[in-house]
Amino acid sequence: QRGRVYIVTNGSEYIQRRHLQDGGILPYCDGVF
């Protein structure tokens, strides 16, 4: 609500992408690194 949200994370693409989805994080993201 305040601005733009970006994820900046180390790790495996497969695991992090799955956790983004399963954790309910992705809908709030403007970008993922």
PDB file of all heavy atoms in Angstrom:
ATOM      1  N   GLN A   1       0.824  -1.208   0.000  1.00  0.00           N
ATOM      2  CA  GLN A   1       0.000   0.000   0.000  1.00  0.00           C
ATOM      3  C   GLN A   1       0.861   1.262   0.000  1.00  0.00           C
ATOM      4  O   GLN A   1       0.442   2.315  -0.486  1.00  0.00           O
ATOM      5  CB  GLN A   1      -0.922   0.002   1.219  1.00  0.00           C
ATOM      6  CG  GLN A   1      -2.024  -1.047   1.162  1.00  0.00           C
ATOM      7  CD  GLN A   1      -2.778  -1.195   2.473  1.00  0.00           C
ATOM      8  OE1 GLN A   1      -2.358  -0.667   3.514  1.00  0.00           O
ATOM      9  NE2 GLN A   1      -3.880  -1.916   2.435  1.00  0.00           N
ATOM     10  N   ARG A   2       2.066   1.139   0.527  1.00  0.00           N
ATOM     11  CA  ARG A   2       2.957   2.297   0.649  1.00  0.00           C
ATOM     12  C   ARG A   2       3.844   2.490  -0.562  1.00  0.00           C
ATOM     13  O   ARG A   2       4.240   3.618  -0.890  1.00  0.00           O
ATOM     14  CB  ARG A   2       3.813   2.146   1.906  1.00  0.00           C
ATOM     15  CG  ARG A   2       4.748   3.312   2.156  1.00  0.00           C
ATOM     16  CD  ARG A   2       5.518   3.118   3.436  1.00  0.00           C
ATOM     17  NE  ARG A   2       6.497   4.173   3.617  1.00  0.00           N
ATOM     18  CZ  ARG A   2       6.544   4.992   4.664  1.00  0.00           C
ATOM     19  NH1 ARG A   2       5.642   4.884   5.622  1.00  0.00           N
ATOM     20  NH2 ARG A   2       7.491   5.906   4.767  1.00  0.00           N
ATOM     21  N   GLY A   3       4.219   1.392  -1.248  1.00  0.00           N
ATOM     22  CA  GLY A   3       5.146   1.526  -2.366  1.00  0.00           C
ATOM     23  C   GLY A   3       5.321   0.234  -3.136  1.00  0.00           C
ATOM     24  O   GLY A   3       4.407  -0.563  -3.267  1.00  0.00           O
ATOM     25  N   ARG A   4       6.551   0.017  -3.607  1.00  0.00           N
ATOM     26  CA  ARG A   4       6.865  -1.168  -4.404  1.00  0.00           C
ATOM     27  C   ARG A   4       7.682  -2.157  -3.585  1.00  0.00           C
ATOM     28  O   ARG A   4       8.521  -1.748  -2.776  1.00  0.00           O
ATOM     29  CB  ARG A   4       7.637  -0.765  -5.662  1.00  0.00           C
ATOM     30  CG  ARG A   4       6.783  -0.019  -6.684  1.00  0.00           C
ATOM     31  CD  ARG A   4       7.624   0.409  -7.871  1.00  0.00           C
ATOM     32  NE  ARG A   4       8.465   1.569  -7.558  1.00  0.00           N
ATOM     33  CZ  ARG A   4       9.644   1.811  -8.122  1.00  0.00           C
ATOM     34  NH1 ARG A   4      10.158   0.955  -9.002  1.00  0.00           N
ATOM     35  NH2 ARG A   4      10.325   2.896  -7.807  1.00  0.00           N
ATOM     36  N   VAL A   5       7.431  -3.445  -3.821  1.00  0.00           N
ATOM     37  CA  VAL A   5       8.039  -4.507  -3.028  1.00  0.00           C
ATOM     38  C   VAL A   5       8.841  -5.435  -3.945  1.00  0.00           C
ATOM     39  O   VAL A   5       8.308  -5.950  -4.941  1.00  0.00           O
ATOM     40  CB  VAL A   5       6.961  -5.319  -2.282  1.00  0.00           C
ATOM     41  CG1 VAL A   5       7.594  -6.477  -1.518  1.00  0.00           C
ATOM     42  CG2 VAL A   5       6.168  -4.422  -1.339  1.00  0.00           C
ATOM     43  N   TYR A   6      10.105  -5.658  -3.594  1.00  0.00           N
ATOM     44  CA  TYR A   6      10.985  -6.541  -4.360  1.00  0.00           C
ATOM     45  C   TYR A   6      11.626  -7.564  -3.426  1.00  0.00           C
ATOM     46  O   TYR A   6      12.045  -7.227  -2.319  1.00  0.00           O
ATOM     47  CB  TYR A   6      12.082  -5.737  -5.062  1.00  0.00           C
ATOM     48  CG  TYR A   6      11.554  -4.742  -6.058  1.00  0.00           C
ATOM     49  CD1 TYR A   6      11.243  -3.439  -5.669  1.00  0.00           C
ATOM     50  CD2 TYR A   6      11.341  -5.097  -7.384  1.00  0.00           C
ATOM     51  CE1 TYR A   6      10.745  -2.519  -6.573  1.00  0.00           C
ATOM     52  CE2 TYR A   6      10.841  -4.185  -8.303  1.00  0.00           C
ATOM     53  CZ  TYR A   6      10.544  -2.898  -7.897  1.00  0.00           C
ATOM     54  OH  TYR A   6      10.035  -1.984  -8.797  1.00  0.00           O
ATOM     55  N   ILE A   7      11.707  -8.793  -3.886  1.00  0.00           N
ATOM     56  CA  ILE A   7      12.394  -9.850  -3.155  1.00  0.00           C
ATOM     57  C   ILE A   7      13.828  -9.941  -3.645  1.00  0.00           C
ATOM     58  O   ILE A   7      14.081  -9.962  -4.859  1.00  0.00           O
ATOM     59  CB  ILE A   7      11.684 -11.205  -3.350  1.00  0.00           C
ATOM     60  CG1 ILE A   7      10.257 -11.146  -2.810  1.00  0.00           C
ATOM     61  CG2 ILE A   7      12.473 -12.329  -2.689  1.00  0.00           C
ATOM     62  CD1 ILE A   7      10.153 -10.874  -1.325  1.00  0.00           C
ATOM     63  N   VAL A   8      14.782  -9.971  -2.714  1.00  0.00           N
ATOM     64  CA  VAL A   8      16.201 -10.119  -3.062  1.00  0.00           C
ATOM     65  C   VAL A   8      16.742 -11.279  -2.233  1.00  0.00           C
ATOM     66  O   VAL A   8      16.956 -11.170  -1.035  1.00  0.00           O
ATOM     67  CB  VAL A   8      16.986  -8.819  -2.787  1.00  0.00           C
ATOM     68  CG1 VAL A   8      16.721  -7.792  -3.869  1.00  0.00           C
ATOM     69  CG2 VAL A   8      16.626  -8.215  -1.426  1.00  0.00           C
ATOM     70  N   THR A   9      16.981 -12.413  -2.871  1.00  0.00           N
ATOM     71  CA  THR A   9      17.284 -13.627  -2.120  1.00  0.00           C
ATOM     72  C   THR A   9      18.353 -14.482  -2.787  1.00  0.00           C
ATOM     73  O   THR A   9      18.404 -14.591  -4.020  1.00  0.00           O
ATOM     74  CB  THR A   9      16.001 -14.460  -1.928  1.00  0.00           C
ATOM     75  OG1 THR A   9      16.295 -15.657  -1.207  1.00  0.00           O
ATOM     76  CG2 THR A   9      15.363 -14.841  -3.252  1.00  0.00           C
ATOM     77  N   ASN A  10      19.195 -15.074  -1.964  1.00  0.00           N
ATOM     78  CA  ASN A  10      20.106 -16.111  -2.435  1.00  0.00           C
ATOM     79  C   ASN A  10      19.373 -17.441  -2.450  1.00  0.00           C
ATOM     80  O   ASN A  10      18.373 -17.620  -1.756  1.00  0.00           O
ATOM     81  CB  ASN A  10      21.325 -16.227  -1.505  1.00  0.00           C
ATOM     82  CG  ASN A  10      22.413 -15.224  -1.845  1.00  0.00           C
ATOM     83  OD1 ASN A  10      22.452 -14.674  -2.936  1.00  0.00           O
ATOM     84  ND2 ASN A  10      23.311 -14.977  -0.901  1.00  0.00           N
ATOM     85  N   GLY A  11      19.907 -18.388  -3.211  1.00  0.00           N
ATOM     86  CA  GLY A  11      19.331 -19.723  -3.166  1.00  0.00           C
ATOM     87  C   GLY A  11      18.933 -20.270  -4.520  1.00  0.00           C
ATOM     88  O   GLY A  11      19.172 -19.674  -5.568  1.00  0.00           O
ATOM     89  N   SER A  12      18.307 -21.430  -4.454  1.00  0.00           N
ATOM     90  CA  SER A  12      17.872 -22.149  -5.649  1.00  0.00           C
ATOM     91  C   SER A  12      16.640 -21.506  -6.263  1.00  0.00           C
ATOM     92  O   SER A  12      15.677 -21.180  -5.558  1.00  0.00           O
ATOM     93  CB  SER A  12      17.559 -23.600  -5.272  1.00  0.00           C
ATOM     94  OG  SER A  12      16.665 -24.190  -6.172  1.00  0.00           O
ATOM     95  N   GLU A  13      16.658 -21.344  -7.563  1.00  0.00           N
ATOM     96  CA  GLU A  13      15.488 -20.814  -8.268  1.00  0.00           C
ATOM     97  C   GLU A  13      14.257 -21.671  -7.995  1.00  0.00           C
ATOM     98  O   GLU A  13      13.173 -21.152  -7.712  1.00  0.00           O
ATOM     99  CB  GLU A  13      15.774 -20.780  -9.770  1.00  0.00           C
ATOM    100  CG  GLU A  13      14.580 -20.396 -10.629  1.00  0.00           C
ATOM    101  CD  GLU A  13      14.866 -20.525 -12.113  1.00  0.00           C
ATOM    102  OE1 GLU A  13      16.018 -20.857 -12.476  1.00  0.00           O
ATOM    103  OE2 GLU A  13      13.939 -20.304 -12.911  1.00  0.00           O
ATOM    104  N   TYR A  14      14.411 -22.986  -8.069  1.00  0.00           N
ATOM    105  CA  TYR A  14      13.280 -23.893  -7.892  1.00  0.00           C
ATOM    106  C   TYR A  14      12.678 -23.760  -6.492  1.00  0.00           C
ATOM    107  O   TYR A  14      11.460 -23.615  -6.335  1.00  0.00           O
ATOM    108  CB  TYR A  14      13.736 -25.327  -8.134  1.00  0.00           C
ATOM    109  CG  TYR A  14      12.688 -26.375  -7.803  1.00  0.00           C
ATOM    110  CD1 TYR A  14      11.591 -26.577  -8.641  1.00  0.00           C
ATOM    111  CD2 TYR A  14      12.801 -27.162  -6.654  1.00  0.00           C
ATOM    112  CE1 TYR A  14      10.624 -27.530  -8.338  1.00  0.00           C
ATOM    113  CE2 TYR A  14      11.847 -28.111  -6.344  1.00  0.00           C
ATOM    114  CZ  TYR A  14      10.764 -28.303  -7.191  1.00  0.00           C
ATOM    115  OH  TYR A  14       9.804 -29.242  -6.884  1.00  0.00           O
ATOM    116  N   ILE A  15      13.525 -23.813  -5.473  1.00  0.00           N
ATOM    117  CA  ILE A  15      13.029 -23.750  -4.097  1.00  0.00           C
ATOM    118  C   ILE A  15      12.434 -22.375  -3.801  1.00  0.00           C
ATOM    119  O   ILE A  15      11.339 -22.268  -3.239  1.00  0.00           O
ATOM    120  CB  ILE A  15      14.150 -24.077  -3.101  1.00  0.00           C
ATOM    121  CG1 ILE A  15      14.551 -25.557  -3.219  1.00  0.00           C
ATOM    122  CG2 ILE A  15      13.703 -23.761  -1.671  1.00  0.00           C
ATOM    123  CD1 ILE A  15      15.747 -25.944  -2.367  1.00  0.00           C
ATOM    124  N   GLN A  16      13.136 -21.316  -4.167  1.00  0.00           N
ATOM    125  CA  GLN A  16      12.652 -19.978  -3.842  1.00  0.00           C
ATOM    126  C   GLN A  16      11.352 -19.653  -4.575  1.00  0.00           C
ATOM    127  O   GLN A  16      10.442 -19.048  -4.001  1.00  0.00           O
ATOM    128  CB  GLN A  16      13.724 -18.927  -4.141  1.00  0.00           C
ATOM    129  CG  GLN A  16      15.043 -19.130  -3.389  1.00  0.00           C
ATOM    130  CD  GLN A  16      14.886 -19.179  -1.883  1.00  0.00           C
ATOM    131  OE1 GLN A  16      14.332 -20.128  -1.323  1.00  0.00           O
ATOM    132  NE2 GLN A  16      15.367 -18.154  -1.213  1.00  0.00           N
ATOM    133  N   ARG A  17      11.251 -20.061  -5.825  1.00  0.00           N
ATOM    134  CA  ARG A  17      10.013 -19.822  -6.573  1.00  0.00           C
ATOM    135  C   ARG A  17       8.851 -20.586  -5.948  1.00  0.00           C
ATOM    136  O   ARG A  17       7.722 -20.069  -5.868  1.00  0.00           O
ATOM    137  CB  ARG A  17      10.183 -20.231  -8.039  1.00  0.00           C
ATOM    138  CG  ARG A  17      11.024 -19.270  -8.853  1.00  0.00           C
ATOM    139  CD  ARG A  17      10.278 -18.001  -9.152  1.00  0.00           C
ATOM    140  NE  ARG A  17      11.093 -17.025  -9.873  1.00  0.00           N
ATOM    141  CZ  ARG A  17      10.688 -15.797 -10.168  1.00  0.00           C
ATOM    142  NH1 ARG A  17       9.477 -15.399  -9.809  1.00  0.00           N
ATOM    143  NH2 ARG A  17      11.489 -14.958 -10.804  1.00  0.00           N
ATOM    144  N   ARG A  18       9.117 -21.798  -5.510  1.00  0.00           N
ATOM    145  CA  ARG A  18       8.049 -22.579  -4.865  1.00  0.00           C
ATOM    146  C   ARG A  18       7.636 -21.945  -3.543  1.00  0.00           C
ATOM    147  O   ARG A  18       6.444 -21.858  -3.231  1.00  0.00           O
ATOM    148  CB  ARG A  18       8.511 -24.015  -4.652  1.00  0.00           C
ATOM    149  CG  ARG A  18       7.425 -24.896  -4.056  1.00  0.00           C
ATOM    150  CD  ARG A  18       7.720 -26.355  -4.212  1.00  0.00           C
ATOM    151  NE  ARG A  18       6.758 -27.160  -3.474  1.00  0.00           N
ATOM    152  CZ  ARG A  18       6.797 -28.480  -3.392  1.00  0.00           C
ATOM    153  NH1 ARG A  18       7.739 -29.152  -4.041  1.00  0.00           N
ATOM    154  NH2 ARG A  18       5.899 -29.144  -2.698  1.00  0.00           N
ATOM    155  N   HIS A  19       8.591 -21.485  -2.770  1.00  0.00           N
ATOM    156  CA  HIS A  19       8.275 -20.852  -1.491  1.00  0.00           C
ATOM    157  C   HIS A  19       7.567 -19.508  -1.676  1.00  0.00           C
ATOM    158  O   HIS A  19       6.712 -19.146  -0.866  1.00  0.00           O
ATOM    159  CB  HIS A  19       9.550 -20.680  -0.675  1.00  0.00           C
ATOM    160  CG  HIS A  19      10.046 -21.948  -0.073  1.00  0.00           C
ATOM    161  ND1 HIS A  19      11.217 -22.018   0.660  1.00  0.00           N
ATOM    162  CD2 HIS A  19       9.540 -23.211  -0.073  1.00  0.00           C
ATOM    163  CE1 HIS A  19      11.405 -23.267   1.072  1.00  0.00           C
ATOM    164  NE2 HIS A  19      10.398 -24.003   0.639  1.00  0.00           N
ATOM    165  N   LEU A  20       7.912 -18.794  -2.713  1.00  0.00           N
ATOM    166  CA  LEU A  20       7.201 -17.552  -3.012  1.00  0.00           C
ATOM    167  C   LEU A  20       5.717 -17.819  -3.239  1.00  0.00           C
ATOM    168  O   LEU A  20       4.855 -17.061  -2.774  1.00  0.00           O
ATOM    169  CB  LEU A  20       7.797 -16.889  -4.260  1.00  0.00           C
ATOM    170  CG  LEU A  20       9.105 -16.130  -4.087  1.00  0.00           C
ATOM    171  CD1 LEU A  20       9.742 -15.865  -5.443  1.00  0.00           C
ATOM    172  CD2 LEU A  20       8.870 -14.821  -3.351  1.00  0.00           C
ATOM    173  N   GLN A  21       5.458 -18.900  -3.959  1.00  0.00           N
ATOM    174  CA  GLN A  21       4.066 -19.267  -4.242  1.00  0.00           C
ATOM    175  C   GLN A  21       3.378 -19.847  -3.006  1.00  0.00           C
ATOM    176  O   GLN A  21       2.305 -19.393  -2.603  1.00  0.00           O
ATOM    177  CB  GLN A  21       4.026 -20.284  -5.379  1.00  0.00           C
ATOM    178  CG  GLN A  21       2.620 -20.617  -5.878  1.00  0.00           C
ATOM    179  CD  GLN A  21       1.944 -19.428  -6.535  1.00  0.00           C
ATOM    180  OE1 GLN A  21       2.539 -18.753  -7.363  1.00  0.00           O
ATOM    181  NE2 GLN A  21       0.708 -19.157  -6.154  1.00  0.00           N
ATOM    182  N   ASP A  22       4.000 -20.837  -2.393  1.00  0.00           N
ATOM    183  CA  ASP A  22       3.382 -21.515  -1.249  1.00  0.00           C
ATOM    184  C   ASP A  22       3.240 -20.588  -0.043  1.00  0.00           C
ATOM    185  O   ASP A  22       2.311 -20.748   0.760  1.00  0.00           O
ATOM    186  CB  ASP A  22       4.206 -22.746  -0.848  1.00  0.00           C
ATOM    187  CG  ASP A  22       4.177 -23.838  -1.910  1.00  0.00           C
ATOM    188  OD1 ASP A  22       3.378 -23.737  -2.857  1.00  0.00           O
ATOM    189  OD2 ASP A  22       4.977 -24.796  -1.783  1.00  0.00           O
ATOM    190  N   GLY A  23       4.152 -19.648   0.095  1.00  0.00           N
ATOM    191  CA  GLY A  23       4.118 -18.744   1.238  1.00  0.00           C
ATOM    192  C   GLY A  23       3.186 -17.565   1.064  1.00  0.00           C
ATOM    193  O   GLY A  23       3.025 -16.765   1.987  1.00  0.00           O
ATOM    194  N   GLY A  24       2.583 -17.431  -0.120  1.00  0.00           N
ATOM    195  CA  GLY A  24       1.668 -16.325  -0.363  1.00  0.00           C
ATOM    196  C   GLY A  24       2.364 -14.988  -0.543  1.00  0.00           C
ATOM    197  O   GLY A  24       1.752 -13.929  -0.354  1.00  0.00           O
ATOM    198  N   ILE A  25       3.619 -15.010  -0.932  1.00  0.00           N
ATOM    199  CA  ILE A  25       4.407 -13.791  -1.079  1.00  0.00           C
ATOM    200  C   ILE A  25       4.244 -13.159  -2.454  1.00  0.00           C
ATOM    201  O   ILE A  25       4.180 -11.929  -2.598  1.00  0.00           O
ATOM    202  CB  ILE A  25       5.903 -14.084  -0.817  1.00  0.00           C
ATOM    203  CG1 ILE A  25       6.101 -14.600   0.608  1.00  0.00           C
ATOM    204  CG2 ILE A  25       6.775 -12.869  -1.086  1.00  0.00           C
ATOM    205  CD1 ILE A  25       7.495 -15.153   0.873  1.00  0.00           C
ATOM    206  N   LEU A  26       4.153 -13.971  -3.477  1.00  0.00           N
ATOM    207  CA  LEU A  26       4.209 -13.510  -4.860  1.00  0.00           C
ATOM    208  C   LEU A  26       3.182 -12.431  -5.208  1.00  0.00           C
ATOM    209  O   LEU A  26       3.521 -11.479  -5.931  1.00  0.00           O
ATOM    210  CB  LEU A  26       4.058 -14.707  -5.796  1.00  0.00           C
ATOM    211  CG  LEU A  26       4.695 -14.594  -7.179  1.00  0.00           C
ATOM    212  CD1 LEU A  26       6.156 -14.187  -7.089  1.00  0.00           C
ATOM    213  CD2 LEU A  26       4.542 -15.902  -7.933  1.00  0.00           C
ATOM    214  N   PRO A  27       1.942 -12.508  -4.725  1.00  0.00           N
ATOM    215  CA  PRO A  27       0.967 -11.474  -5.107  1.00  0.00           C
ATOM    216  C   PRO A  27       1.361 -10.058  -4.690  1.00  0.00           C
ATOM    217  O   PRO A  27       0.824  -9.085  -5.242  1.00  0.00           O
ATOM    218  CB  PRO A  27      -0.314 -11.924  -4.389  1.00  0.00           C
ATOM    219  CG  PRO A  27      -0.154 -13.388  -4.193  1.00  0.00           C
ATOM    220  CD  PRO A  27       1.308 -13.577  -3.936  1.00  0.00           C
ATOM    221  N   TYR A  28       2.262  -9.925  -3.741  1.00  0.00           N
ATOM    222  CA  TYR A  28       2.643  -8.603  -3.242  1.00  0.00           C
ATOM    223  C   TYR A  28       3.915  -8.068  -3.900  1.00  0.00           C
ATOM    224  O   TYR A  28       4.351  -6.960  -3.587  1.00  0.00           O
ATOM    225  CB  TYR A  28       2.842  -8.663  -1.723  1.00  0.00           C
ATOM    226  CG  TYR A  28       1.598  -9.088  -0.990  1.00  0.00           C
ATOM    227  CD1 TYR A  28       1.419 -10.414  -0.591  1.00  0.00           C
ATOM    228  CD2 TYR A  28       0.575  -8.187  -0.722  1.00  0.00           C
ATOM    229  CE1 TYR A  28       0.262 -10.815   0.070  1.00  0.00           C
ATOM    230  CE2 TYR A  28      -0.584  -8.570  -0.066  1.00  0.00           C
ATOM    231  CZ  TYR A  28      -0.730  -9.892   0.325  1.00  0.00           C
ATOM    232  OH  TYR A  28      -1.884 -10.299   0.966  1.00  0.00           O
ATOM    233  N   CYS A  29       4.504  -8.845  -4.799  1.00  0.00           N
ATOM    234  CA  CYS A  29       5.811  -8.499  -5.358  1.00  0.00           C
ATOM    235  C   CYS A  29       5.710  -7.723  -6.668  1.00  0.00           C
ATOM    236  O   CYS A  29       4.957  -8.094  -7.565  1.00  0.00           O
ATOM    237  CB  CYS A  29       6.632  -9.761  -5.602  1.00  0.00           C
ATOM    238  SG  CYS A  29       7.058 -10.650  -4.100  1.00  0.00           S
ATOM    239  N   ASP A  30       6.521  -6.680  -6.759  1.00  0.00           N
ATOM    240  CA  ASP A  30       6.700  -5.972  -8.028  1.00  0.00           C
ATOM    241  C   ASP A  30       7.864  -6.549  -8.818  1.00  0.00           C
ATOM    242  O   ASP A  30       8.009  -6.269 -10.009  1.00  0.00           O
ATOM    243  CB  ASP A  30       6.933  -4.487  -7.765  1.00  0.00           C
ATOM    244  CG  ASP A  30       5.698  -3.810  -7.199  1.00  0.00           C
ATOM    245  OD1 ASP A  30       4.813  -3.435  -7.991  1.00  0.00           O
ATOM    246  OD2 ASP A  30       5.607  -3.688  -5.962  1.00  0.00           O
ATOM    247  N   GLY A  31       8.684  -7.339  -8.170  1.00  0.00           N
ATOM    248  CA  GLY A  31       9.810  -7.973  -8.827  1.00  0.00           C
ATOM    249  C   GLY A  31      10.503  -8.934  -7.883  1.00  0.00           C
ATOM    250  O   GLY A  31      10.382  -8.804  -6.661  1.00  0.00           O
ATOM    251  N   VAL A  32      11.206  -9.913  -8.464  1.00  0.00           N
ATOM    252  CA  VAL A  32      11.907 -10.929  -7.676  1.00  0.00           C
ATOM    253  C   VAL A  32      13.317 -11.093  -8.226  1.00  0.00           C
ATOM    254  O   VAL A  32      13.506 -11.289  -9.429  1.00  0.00           O
ATOM    255  CB  VAL A  32      11.163 -12.279  -7.734  1.00  0.00           C
ATOM    256  CG1 VAL A  32      11.973 -13.369  -7.036  1.00  0.00           C
ATOM    257  CG2 VAL A  32       9.772 -12.162  -7.123  1.00  0.00           C
ATOM    258  N   PHE A  33      14.296 -11.012  -7.345  1.00  0.00           N
ATOM    259  CA  PHE A  33      15.695 -11.195  -7.723  1.00  0.00           C
ATOM    260  C   PHE A  33      16.258 -12.386  -6.956  1.00  0.00           C
ATOM    261  O   PHE A  33      16.486 -12.303  -5.745  1.00  0.00           O
ATOM    262  CB  PHE A  33      16.499  -9.932  -7.423  1.00  0.00           C
ATOM    263  CG  PHE A  33      15.990  -8.710  -8.128  1.00  0.00           C
ATOM    264  CD1 PHE A  33      15.222  -7.781  -7.444  1.00  0.00           C
ATOM    265  CD2 PHE A  33      16.253  -8.504  -9.471  1.00  0.00           C
ATOM    266  CE1 PHE A  33      14.740  -6.647  -8.083  1.00  0.00           C
ATOM    267  CE2 PHE A  33      15.777  -7.377 -10.131  1.00  0.00           C
ATOM    268  CZ  PHE A  33      15.008  -6.442  -9.435  1.00  0.00           C
TER     269      PHE A  33
END
